[in-house]
Amino acid sequence: MHNDETIWACLGENGFCSFKVRWKEPKQDFCRNPYNVNGLCNKMSCPLANSQYATIIEEEGINYLYMKTVERAHSPKNLWERVKLSRNFLQALEQISKHLEFWPDRVINRCKQRLTKMRQMLIRMRKLSLKGGTKLVPIKKKTEKREATRELKAESAAKVDLAIERELLERLKQGTYGDIYNFPKKNFDSVMEKEDEEQELQDEDESDMEFVEDLGEDDEEWEDIDNKVEEVEVEGDLGMNDLEEVSLPARKKRRGKVEVEYEHEIDTR
């Protein structure tokens, strides 16, 4: 049989309760049970030693009225009845008075006081969230240390892979493995593309050098012709016919190509 006095005798000052917290100065016992209406450890406030009990609990910004009666003591699953309270403070007070109409006045007053404190707490929380001040972020030293170690290992592994790739390429160029190769296709294609790009750059450089050399040869030919003409003028023995025998090479001229487009009108009559 459920007896409140017997339960409190087991949980009282000389008994043991896992929710009890003792303070020496001032000498006061507190209760950590979430259903305690005022947080004090005494006979009137204990939710375990009272078969008829009511309290206010906040869940995600919404206040609920929890009620316990002795008729549901045989079913711990359905021991507490929950009623959602209105966001309007006056309507919430009316709901408490309506559901606790035949309950002791001390229980009704404590529930209303707890509702007032909970609403004040929620208002302060909303103001602080809108204020947008500095936020404290926890630092997980173990996680950071583990991530740093992983980064170092990944970096060292990447360096080893690059060194191996360079060594294999050098052996490939030297012909160490002969004509049979067993390299990954992706790496082999990337190396071949790099070699093709280098070859194209070398071809462009060689074509530029040939163009410069051609211009240099033309200048030397014209210098030789000028020297021959000076010799003829100095000697004075050659005539016009002899001068014509001195063949002048044509300068190389690069002319741009011109494209001409014609439009024909077709008479459809």
C-alpha atoms as a PDB file:
ATOM      1  CA  MET A   1       0.000   0.000   0.000  1.00  0.00           C
ATOM      2  CA  HIS A   2       1.260   3.476  -0.923  1.00  0.00           C
ATOM      3  CA  ASN A   3       2.040   5.454   2.248  1.00  0.00           C
ATOM      4  CA  ASP A   4       3.624   8.936   2.079  1.00  0.00           C
ATOM      5  CA  GLU A   5       4.885   8.884   5.672  1.00  0.00           C
ATOM      6  CA  THR A   6       6.726   5.616   5.185  1.00  0.00           C
ATOM      7  CA  ILE A   7       8.403   6.861   2.018  1.00  0.00           C
ATOM      8  CA  TRP A   8       9.521  10.109   3.658  1.00  0.00           C
ATOM      9  CA  ALA A   9      10.878   8.197   6.649  1.00  0.00           C
ATOM     10  CA  CYS A  10      13.154   6.333   4.226  1.00  0.00           C
ATOM     11  CA  LEU A  11      14.142   9.480   2.288  1.00  0.00           C
ATOM     12  CA  GLY A  12      14.199  12.030   5.136  1.00  0.00           C
ATOM     13  CA  GLU A  13      17.131  13.595   6.960  1.00  0.00           C
ATOM     14  CA  ASN A  14      18.617  10.284   8.069  1.00  0.00           C
ATOM     15  CA  GLY A  15      17.668   8.351   4.944  1.00  0.00           C
ATOM     16  CA  PHE A  16      19.311   8.112   1.527  1.00  0.00           C
ATOM     17  CA  CYS A  17      18.021   9.767  -1.672  1.00  0.00           C
ATOM     18  CA  SER A  18      19.988  10.026  -4.932  1.00  0.00           C
ATOM     19  CA  PHE A  19      18.379  13.424  -5.666  1.00  0.00           C
ATOM     20  CA  LYS A  20      19.431  14.984  -2.352  1.00  0.00           C
ATOM     21  CA  VAL A  21      22.221  17.601  -2.213  1.00  0.00           C
ATOM     22  CA  ARG A  22      23.538  18.643   1.213  1.00  0.00           C
ATOM     23  CA  TRP A  23      25.046  22.056   2.026  1.00  0.00           C
ATOM     24  CA  LYS A  24      26.868  22.787   5.262  1.00  0.00           C
ATOM     25  CA  GLU A  25      26.737  26.595   5.316  1.00  0.00           C
ATOM     26  CA  PRO A  26      23.902  27.470   5.356  1.00  0.00           C
ATOM     27  CA  LYS A  27      22.636  24.090   6.466  1.00  0.00           C
ATOM     28  CA  GLN A  28      20.077  23.313   3.792  1.00  0.00           C
ATOM     29  CA  ASP A  29      19.201  20.293   1.654  1.00  0.00           C
ATOM     30  CA  PHE A  30      18.287  20.729  -2.016  1.00  0.00           C
ATOM     31  CA  CYS A  31      16.576  18.368  -4.456  1.00  0.00           C
ATOM     32  CA  ARG A  32      17.679  17.680  -8.057  1.00  0.00           C
ATOM     33  CA  ASN A  33      14.524  15.834  -9.059  1.00  0.00           C
ATOM     34  CA  PRO A  34      13.132  17.472 -12.267  1.00  0.00           C
ATOM     35  CA  TYR A  35       9.557  17.225 -10.899  1.00  0.00           C
ATOM     36  CA  ASN A  36      10.347  19.177  -7.705  1.00  0.00           C
ATOM     37  CA  VAL A  37       8.304  22.392  -7.727  1.00  0.00           C
ATOM     38  CA  ASN A  38      10.724  24.627  -5.754  1.00  0.00           C
ATOM     39  CA  GLY A  39      14.023  22.690  -5.528  1.00  0.00           C
ATOM     40  CA  LEU A  40      13.968  22.216  -1.730  1.00  0.00           C
ATOM     41  CA  CYS A  41      14.265  18.889   0.032  1.00  0.00           C
ATOM     42  CA  ASN A  42      11.432  18.702   2.586  1.00  0.00           C
ATOM     43  CA  LYS A  43       8.253  16.744   3.203  1.00  0.00           C
ATOM     44  CA  MET A  44       5.929  19.240   1.489  1.00  0.00           C
ATOM     45  CA  SER A  45       8.096  19.643  -1.656  1.00  0.00           C
ATOM     46  CA  CYS A  46       9.186  16.059  -2.230  1.00  0.00           C
ATOM     47  CA  PRO A  47       7.622  14.620  -5.434  1.00  0.00           C
ATOM     48  CA  LEU A  48       8.297  11.036  -4.253  1.00  0.00           C
ATOM     49  CA  ALA A  49       6.765  11.277  -0.772  1.00  0.00           C
ATOM     50  CA  ASN A  50       3.514  12.970  -1.935  1.00  0.00           C
ATOM     51  CA  SER A  51       0.900  10.903  -3.721  1.00  0.00           C
ATOM     52  CA  GLN A  52      -0.883  14.096  -4.881  1.00  0.00           C
ATOM     53  CA  TYR A  53       1.571  16.477  -6.529  1.00  0.00           C
ATOM     54  CA  ALA A  54       1.682  19.125  -9.269  1.00  0.00           C
ATOM     55  CA  THR A  55       4.513  21.095 -10.904  1.00  0.00           C
ATOM     56  CA  ILE A  56       5.431  23.185 -13.990  1.00  0.00           C
ATOM     57  CA  ILE A  57       8.051  21.937 -16.466  1.00  0.00           C
ATOM     58  CA  GLU A  58       9.419  23.803 -19.520  1.00  0.00           C
ATOM     59  CA  GLU A  59      10.134  21.859 -22.725  1.00  0.00           C
ATOM     60  CA  GLU A  60      11.503  23.675 -25.792  1.00  0.00           C
ATOM     61  CA  GLY A  61      10.045  27.028 -24.763  1.00  0.00           C
ATOM     62  CA  ILE A  62       6.600  25.645 -23.874  1.00  0.00           C
ATOM     63  CA  ASN A  63       5.325  25.296 -20.304  1.00  0.00           C
ATOM     64  CA  TYR A  64       3.388  22.208 -19.209  1.00  0.00           C
ATOM     65  CA  LEU A  65       1.416  21.454 -16.063  1.00  0.00           C
ATOM     66  CA  TYR A  66       2.258  17.997 -14.660  1.00  0.00           C
ATOM     67  CA  MET A  67      -0.146  16.422 -12.158  1.00  0.00           C
ATOM     68  CA  LYS A  68       0.176  13.201 -10.138  1.00  0.00           C
ATOM     69  CA  THR A  69      -2.687  11.505  -8.295  1.00  0.00           C
ATOM     70  CA  VAL A  70      -2.835   8.436  -6.075  1.00  0.00           C
ATOM     71  CA  GLU A  71      -5.329   6.714  -8.388  1.00  0.00           C
ATOM     72  CA  ARG A  72      -2.595   6.262 -11.015  1.00  0.00           C
ATOM     73  CA  ALA A  73       0.074   5.045  -8.570  1.00  0.00           C
ATOM     74  CA  HIS A  74      -0.339   1.437  -9.731  1.00  0.00           C
ATOM     75  CA  SER A  75       0.769   2.443 -13.286  1.00  0.00           C
ATOM     76  CA  PRO A  76       4.123   4.278 -13.260  1.00  0.00           C
ATOM     77  CA  LYS A  77       3.898   4.766 -17.040  1.00  0.00           C
ATOM     78  CA  ASN A  78       0.740   6.860 -16.706  1.00  0.00           C
ATOM     79  CA  LEU A  79       1.561   8.346 -13.317  1.00  0.00           C
ATOM     80  CA  TRP A  80       1.937  11.964 -14.541  1.00  0.00           C
ATOM     81  CA  GLU A  81      -0.775  13.776 -16.491  1.00  0.00           C
ATOM     82  CA  ARG A  82       0.518  16.561 -18.748  1.00  0.00           C
ATOM     83  CA  VAL A  83      -1.450  19.685 -19.773  1.00  0.00           C
ATOM     84  CA  LYS A  84      -0.069  22.246 -22.223  1.00  0.00           C
ATOM     85  CA  LEU A  85      -0.331  25.816 -20.933  1.00  0.00           C
ATOM     86  CA  SER A  86      -1.132  28.845 -23.073  1.00  0.00           C
ATOM     87  CA  ARG A  87       1.558  31.371 -24.057  1.00  0.00           C
ATOM     88  CA  ASN A  88      -0.653  34.086 -22.603  1.00  0.00           C
ATOM     89  CA  PHE A  89       0.276  34.485 -18.948  1.00  0.00           C
ATOM     90  CA  LEU A  90      -3.256  35.260 -17.711  1.00  0.00           C
ATOM     91  CA  GLN A  91      -4.768  32.349 -19.616  1.00  0.00           C
ATOM     92  CA  ALA A  92      -2.078  30.026 -18.246  1.00  0.00           C
ATOM     93  CA  LEU A  93      -2.927  31.084 -14.689  1.00  0.00           C
ATOM     94  CA  GLU A  94      -6.598  30.379 -15.379  1.00  0.00           C
ATOM     95  CA  GLN A  95      -5.722  26.924 -16.681  1.00  0.00           C
ATOM     96  CA  ILE A  96      -3.774  26.143 -13.492  1.00  0.00           C
ATOM     97  CA  SER A  97      -6.700  27.280 -11.320  1.00  0.00           C
ATOM     98  CA  LYS A  98      -9.138  25.227 -13.396  1.00  0.00           C
ATOM     99  CA  HIS A  99      -7.165  21.942 -13.331  1.00  0.00           C
ATOM    100  CA  LEU A 100      -6.193  22.340  -9.641  1.00  0.00           C
ATOM    101  CA  GLU A 101      -9.600  23.515  -8.504  1.00  0.00           C
ATOM    102  CA  PHE A 102      -9.955  21.020  -5.621  1.00  0.00           C
ATOM    103  CA  TRP A 103      -6.259  20.858  -4.700  1.00  0.00           C
ATOM    104  CA  PRO A 104      -4.664  22.509  -1.642  1.00  0.00           C
ATOM    105  CA  ASP A 105      -3.951  26.224  -1.991  1.00  0.00           C
ATOM    106  CA  ARG A 106      -0.254  25.794  -1.278  1.00  0.00           C
ATOM    107  CA  VAL A 107       0.106  23.534  -4.340  1.00  0.00           C
ATOM    108  CA  ILE A 108      -1.730  26.048  -6.574  1.00  0.00           C
ATOM    109  CA  ASN A 109       0.367  28.986  -5.324  1.00  0.00           C
ATOM    110  CA  ARG A 110       3.656  27.140  -5.829  1.00  0.00           C
ATOM    111  CA  CYS A 111       2.711  26.171  -9.390  1.00  0.00           C
ATOM    112  CA  LYS A 112       1.795  29.775 -10.226  1.00  0.00           C
ATOM    113  CA  GLN A 113       5.058  31.046  -8.732  1.00  0.00           C
ATOM    114  CA  ARG A 114       7.035  28.503 -10.746  1.00  0.00           C
ATOM    115  CA  LEU A 115       5.177  29.513 -13.919  1.00  0.00           C
ATOM    116  CA  THR A 116       6.106  33.171 -13.290  1.00  0.00           C
ATOM    117  CA  LYS A 117       9.782  32.307 -12.838  1.00  0.00           C
ATOM    118  CA  MET A 118       9.815  30.105 -15.942  1.00  0.00           C
ATOM    119  CA  ARG A 119       8.296  32.867 -18.080  1.00  0.00           C
ATOM    120  CA  GLN A 120      10.865  35.383 -16.827  1.00  0.00           C
ATOM    121  CA  MET A 121      13.634  32.952 -17.655  1.00  0.00           C
ATOM    122  CA  LEU A 122      12.292  32.438 -21.211  1.00  0.00           C
ATOM    123  CA  ILE A 123      12.035  36.202 -21.774  1.00  0.00           C
ATOM    124  CA  ARG A 124      15.660  36.697 -20.709  1.00  0.00           C
ATOM    125  CA  MET A 125      16.763  33.835 -22.969  1.00  0.00           C
ATOM    126  CA  ARG A 126      15.032  35.403 -25.993  1.00  0.00           C
ATOM    127  CA  LYS A 127      16.590  38.810 -25.286  1.00  0.00           C
ATOM    128  CA  LEU A 128      20.064  37.300 -25.016  1.00  0.00           C
ATOM    129  CA  SER A 129      19.603  35.339 -28.241  1.00  0.00           C
ATOM    130  CA  LEU A 130      18.500  38.487 -30.114  1.00  0.00           C
ATOM    131  CA  LYS A 131      21.358  40.487 -28.659  1.00  0.00           C
ATOM    132  CA  GLY A 132      23.882  38.419 -30.579  1.00  0.00           C
ATOM    133  CA  GLY A 133      26.860  38.721 -28.246  1.00  0.00           C
ATOM    134  CA  THR A 134      30.016  36.664 -28.173  1.00  0.00           C
ATOM    135  CA  LYS A 135      29.517  32.915 -28.150  1.00  0.00           C
ATOM    136  CA  LEU A 136      31.791  30.513 -26.356  1.00  0.00           C
ATOM    137  CA  VAL A 137      32.811  27.612 -28.576  1.00  0.00           C
ATOM    138  CA  PRO A 138      34.249  24.531 -26.859  1.00  0.00           C
ATOM    139  CA  ILE A 139      37.697  23.441 -27.995  1.00  0.00           C
ATOM    140  CA  LYS A 140      38.130  19.710 -28.372  1.00  0.00           C
ATOM    141  CA  LYS A 141      41.834  19.170 -27.874  1.00  0.00           C
ATOM    142  CA  LYS A 142      41.729  15.432 -28.528  1.00  0.00           C
ATOM    143  CA  THR A 143      39.897  15.908 -31.826  1.00  0.00           C
ATOM    144  CA  GLU A 144      42.252  18.654 -32.979  1.00  0.00           C
ATOM    145  CA  LYS A 145      45.289  16.579 -32.071  1.00  0.00           C
ATOM    146  CA  ARG A 146      43.886  13.577 -33.954  1.00  0.00           C
ATOM    147  CA  GLU A 147      43.151  15.696 -37.054  1.00  0.00           C
ATOM    148  CA  ALA A 148      46.643  17.235 -36.976  1.00  0.00           C
ATOM    149  CA  THR A 149      48.202  13.763 -36.811  1.00  0.00           C
ATOM    150  CA  ARG A 150      46.103  12.619 -39.778  1.00  0.00           C
ATOM    151  CA  GLU A 151      47.147  15.658 -41.811  1.00  0.00           C
ATOM    152  CA  LEU A 152      50.831  14.985 -41.145  1.00  0.00           C
ATOM    153  CA  LYS A 153      50.434  11.341 -42.157  1.00  0.00           C
ATOM    154  CA  ALA A 154      48.587  12.292 -45.346  1.00  0.00           C
ATOM    155  CA  GLU A 155      51.243  14.868 -46.234  1.00  0.00           C
ATOM    156  CA  SER A 156      54.083  12.397 -45.705  1.00  0.00           C
ATOM    157  CA  ALA A 157      52.252   9.766 -47.776  1.00  0.00           C
ATOM    158  CA  ALA A 158      51.773  12.269 -50.612  1.00  0.00           C
ATOM    159  CA  LYS A 159      55.493  13.112 -50.583  1.00  0.00           C
ATOM    160  CA  VAL A 160      56.384   9.416 -50.759  1.00  0.00           C
ATOM    161  CA  ASP A 161      54.009   8.882 -53.705  1.00  0.00           C
ATOM    162  CA  LEU A 162      55.509  11.831 -55.597  1.00  0.00           C
ATOM    163  CA  ALA A 163      59.045  10.583 -54.955  1.00  0.00           C
ATOM    164  CA  ILE A 164      58.120   7.112 -56.206  1.00  0.00           C
ATOM    165  CA  GLU A 165      56.475   8.587 -59.300  1.00  0.00           C
ATOM    166  CA  ARG A 166      59.548  10.674 -60.135  1.00  0.00           C
ATOM    167  CA  GLU A 167      61.851   7.690 -59.657  1.00  0.00           C
ATOM    168  CA  LEU A 168      59.711   5.490 -61.914  1.00  0.00           C
ATOM    169  CA  LEU A 169      59.627   8.155 -64.606  1.00  0.00           C
ATOM    170  CA  GLU A 170      63.395   8.497 -64.515  1.00  0.00           C
ATOM    171  CA  ARG A 171      63.782   4.727 -64.898  1.00  0.00           C
ATOM    172  CA  LEU A 172      61.233   4.755 -67.703  1.00  0.00           C
ATOM    173  CA  LYS A 173      63.205   7.401 -69.589  1.00  0.00           C
ATOM    174  CA  GLN A 174      66.475   5.540 -69.058  1.00  0.00           C
ATOM    175  CA  GLY A 175      64.926   2.323 -70.396  1.00  0.00           C
ATOM    176  CA  THR A 176      65.489   0.303 -67.250  1.00  0.00           C
ATOM    177  CA  TYR A 177      62.312  -1.756 -67.707  1.00  0.00           C
ATOM    178  CA  GLY A 178      62.691  -2.375 -71.424  1.00  0.00           C
ATOM    179  CA  ASP A 179      59.618  -2.380 -73.647  1.00  0.00           C
ATOM    180  CA  ILE A 180      57.167  -3.858 -71.112  1.00  0.00           C
ATOM    181  CA  TYR A 181      55.481  -1.425 -68.718  1.00  0.00           C
ATOM    182  CA  ASN A 182      52.909  -2.021 -66.033  1.00  0.00           C
ATOM    183  CA  PHE A 183      52.075   1.515 -64.855  1.00  0.00           C
ATOM    184  CA  PRO A 184      48.597   2.812 -63.998  1.00  0.00           C
ATOM    185  CA  LYS A 185      46.873   4.118 -67.116  1.00  0.00           C
ATOM    186  CA  LYS A 186      45.878   7.411 -65.502  1.00  0.00           C
ATOM    187  CA  ASN A 187      49.428   8.261 -64.420  1.00  0.00           C
ATOM    188  CA  PHE A 188      50.850   7.130 -67.758  1.00  0.00           C
ATOM    189  CA  ASP A 189      48.417   9.341 -69.701  1.00  0.00           C
ATOM    190  CA  SER A 190      49.222  12.355 -67.514  1.00  0.00           C
ATOM    191  CA  VAL A 191      52.962  11.850 -68.119  1.00  0.00           C
ATOM    192  CA  MET A 192      52.443  11.521 -71.865  1.00  0.00           C
ATOM    193  CA  GLU A 193      50.407  14.728 -71.950  1.00  0.00           C
ATOM    194  CA  LYS A 194      53.161  16.582 -70.100  1.00  0.00           C
ATOM    195  CA  GLU A 195      55.766  15.294 -72.565  1.00  0.00           C
ATOM    196  CA  ASP A 196      53.591  16.365 -75.539  1.00  0.00           C
ATOM    197  CA  GLU A 197      53.250  19.858 -74.120  1.00  0.00           C
ATOM    198  CA  GLU A 198      57.014  20.120 -73.594  1.00  0.00           C
ATOM    199  CA  GLN A 199      57.625  18.919 -77.167  1.00  0.00           C
ATOM    200  CA  GLU A 200      55.235  21.542 -78.576  1.00  0.00           C
ATOM    201  CA  LEU A 201      56.982  24.290 -76.628  1.00  0.00           C
ATOM    202  CA  GLN A 202      60.368  23.128 -77.969  1.00  0.00           C
ATOM    203  CA  ASP A 203      59.032  23.093 -81.573  1.00  0.00           C
ATOM    204  CA  GLU A 204      57.755  26.656 -81.215  1.00  0.00           C
ATOM    205  CA  ASP A 205      61.130  27.816 -79.876  1.00  0.00           C
ATOM    206  CA  GLU A 206      62.961  26.139 -82.780  1.00  0.00           C
ATOM    207  CA  SER A 207      60.671  27.756 -85.394  1.00  0.00           C
ATOM    208  CA  ASP A 208      61.329  31.165 -83.866  1.00  0.00           C
ATOM    209  CA  MET A 209      65.088  30.551 -83.989  1.00  0.00           C
ATOM    210  CA  GLU A 210      64.910  29.507 -87.686  1.00  0.00           C
ATOM    211  CA  PHE A 211      63.047  32.700 -88.589  1.00  0.00           C
ATOM    212  CA  VAL A 212      65.709  34.795 -86.858  1.00  0.00           C
ATOM    213  CA  GLU A 213      68.499  32.892 -88.654  1.00  0.00           C
ATOM    214  CA  ASP A 214      66.853  33.484 -92.073  1.00  0.00           C
ATOM    215  CA  LEU A 215      66.754  37.194 -91.434  1.00  0.00           C
ATOM    216  CA  GLY A 216      70.425  37.097 -90.461  1.00  0.00           C
ATOM    217  CA  GLU A 217      71.376  35.327 -93.730  1.00  0.00           C
ATOM    218  CA  ASP A 218      69.520  37.949 -95.837  1.00  0.00           C
ATOM    219  CA  ASP A 219      71.420  40.729 -94.096  1.00  0.00           C
ATOM    220  CA  GLU A 220      74.745  39.011 -94.870  1.00  0.00           C
ATOM    221  CA  GLU A 221      73.796  38.659 -98.580  1.00  0.00           C
ATOM    222  CA  TRP A 222      72.953  42.345 -98.847  1.00  0.00           C
ATOM    223  CA  GLU A 223      76.248  43.253 -97.161  1.00  0.00           C
ATOM    224  CA  ASP A 224      78.112  41.171 -99.774  1.00  0.00           C
ATOM    225  CA  ILE A 225      76.261  42.920-102.614  1.00  0.00           C
ATOM    226  CA  ASP A 226      77.052  46.345-101.196  1.00  0.00           C
ATOM    227  CA  ASN A 227      80.714  45.413-100.989  1.00  0.00           C
ATOM    228  CA  LYS A 228      80.676  44.285-104.659  1.00  0.00           C
ATOM    229  CA  VAL A 229      79.070  47.529-105.765  1.00  0.00           C
ATOM    230  CA  GLU A 230      81.683  49.532-103.852  1.00  0.00           C
ATOM    231  CA  GLU A 231      84.466  47.561-105.565  1.00  0.00           C
ATOM    232  CA  VAL A 232      82.938  48.309-108.986  1.00  0.00           C
ATOM    233  CA  GLU A 233      82.762  52.009-108.263  1.00  0.00           C
ATOM    234  CA  VAL A 234      86.348  52.060-107.048  1.00  0.00           C
ATOM    235  CA  GLU A 235      87.726  50.246-110.073  1.00  0.00           C
ATOM    236  CA  GLY A 236      85.677  52.264-112.607  1.00  0.00           C
ATOM    237  CA  ASP A 237      86.444  49.812-115.432  1.00  0.00           C
ATOM    238  CA  LEU A 238      83.047  48.100-115.535  1.00  0.00           C
ATOM    239  CA  GLY A 239      80.179  49.418-117.639  1.00  0.00           C
ATOM    240  CA  MET A 240      76.473  49.266-117.344  1.00  0.00           C
ATOM    241  CA  ASN A 241      76.361  45.808-118.854  1.00  0.00           C
ATOM    242  CA  ASP A 242      78.767  44.552-116.277  1.00  0.00           C
ATOM    243  CA  LEU A 243      76.680  46.012-113.519  1.00  0.00           C
ATOM    244  CA  GLU A 244      73.631  44.189-114.858  1.00  0.00           C
ATOM    245  CA  GLU A 245      75.505  40.914-114.500  1.00  0.00           C
ATOM    246  CA  VAL A 246      75.620  41.431-110.764  1.00  0.00           C
ATOM    247  CA  SER A 247      72.358  39.689-109.800  1.00  0.00           C
ATOM    248  CA  LEU A 248      70.472  41.086-106.866  1.00  0.00           C
ATOM    249  CA  PRO A 249      68.554  38.480-104.834  1.00  0.00           C
ATOM    250  CA  ALA A 250      64.950  39.361-104.149  1.00  0.00           C
ATOM    251  CA  ARG A 251      64.119  40.217-100.543  1.00  0.00           C
ATOM    252  CA  LYS A 252      61.806  37.842 -98.860  1.00  0.00           C
ATOM    253  CA  LYS A 253      58.591  39.674 -98.208  1.00  0.00           C
ATOM    254  CA  ARG A 254      55.715  38.213 -96.289  1.00  0.00           C
ATOM    255  CA  ARG A 255      52.422  39.522 -97.440  1.00  0.00           C
ATOM    256  CA  GLY A 256      49.141  38.797 -95.816  1.00  0.00           C
ATOM    257  CA  LYS A 257      46.469  36.925 -97.696  1.00  0.00           C
ATOM    258  CA  VAL A 258      43.391  38.896 -98.729  1.00  0.00           C
ATOM    259  CA  GLU A 259      40.078  37.153 -99.200  1.00  0.00           C
ATOM    260  CA  VAL A 260      37.494  38.754-101.457  1.00  0.00           C
ATOM    261  CA  GLU A 261      33.849  37.756-101.241  1.00  0.00           C
ATOM    262  CA  TYR A 262      31.426  38.296-104.124  1.00  0.00           C
ATOM    263  CA  GLU A 263      27.682  38.549-103.844  1.00  0.00           C
ATOM    264  CA  HIS A 264      25.576  37.622-106.865  1.00  0.00           C
ATOM    265  CA  GLU A 265      22.037  38.796-107.132  1.00  0.00           C
ATOM    266  CA  ILE A 266      19.762  36.243-108.758  1.00  0.00           C
ATOM    267  CA  ASP A 267      16.797  37.567-110.638  1.00  0.00           C
ATOM    268  CA  THR A 268      13.828  35.339-109.843  1.00  0.00           C
ATOM    269  CA  ARG A 269      11.466  36.953-112.295  1.00  0.00           C
END
